[in-house]
């Protein structure tokens, strides 16, 4: 049980929700090579108009994903339980604030603190996580960050937070780097302090 946990932060796409984002198509549409982060690639473009065009393409894909997003199994129940228990809970995402907001509103998410790419440097930079810790006036080491990708694990470690991996077939290579690994949100719920029980 994560008895010393004072708050919890989640990634969005691939962790709380499945937006079925087609990353290969996004890469093709903006000319981003395999192995490069989309946002990082955009920053390398020399021309402002090229950066704006590539950002617009990424945003278009994200908004399409927001329209079709569905909860990961058990995620909605856990989020509502944590929010009902008044434990600080938030999201740090590389998505745009608009796309994240549309996703959360469409799925009926509880009120959550949201840090999007307009608000902080994108993961694996820990800025977004540290902003939430400061906003909550909580020590980073008392928080956990839950994600599904190596950027999430790296950001959590760099922020001094517990790195929690939502394990799926596609990301097993990251398991050894995480502090905690789970494969269903009901499992994560059982590890949280009693103040945030699962309703599932």
Foldseek 3Di string as FASTA:
>chain_A
DLALAQAEEEAPDPFFKPLVQDVVVLCVVLVNDPPDDQLVVLVPDDDPVSSVVSVVSVLVSLQSSLVVMDGDAQNQQQQVLCVVLVRAYAYEYQHDPVSVVSNCVVHVHDDHHYHYCVRDPHFVALVSVVVVCVVVVHQQCSYEYEYADPRQLSNSVVSNYAYEHQDDPVRPVCVVSGPYYDPHVQVVQVVDPPSRHGPD
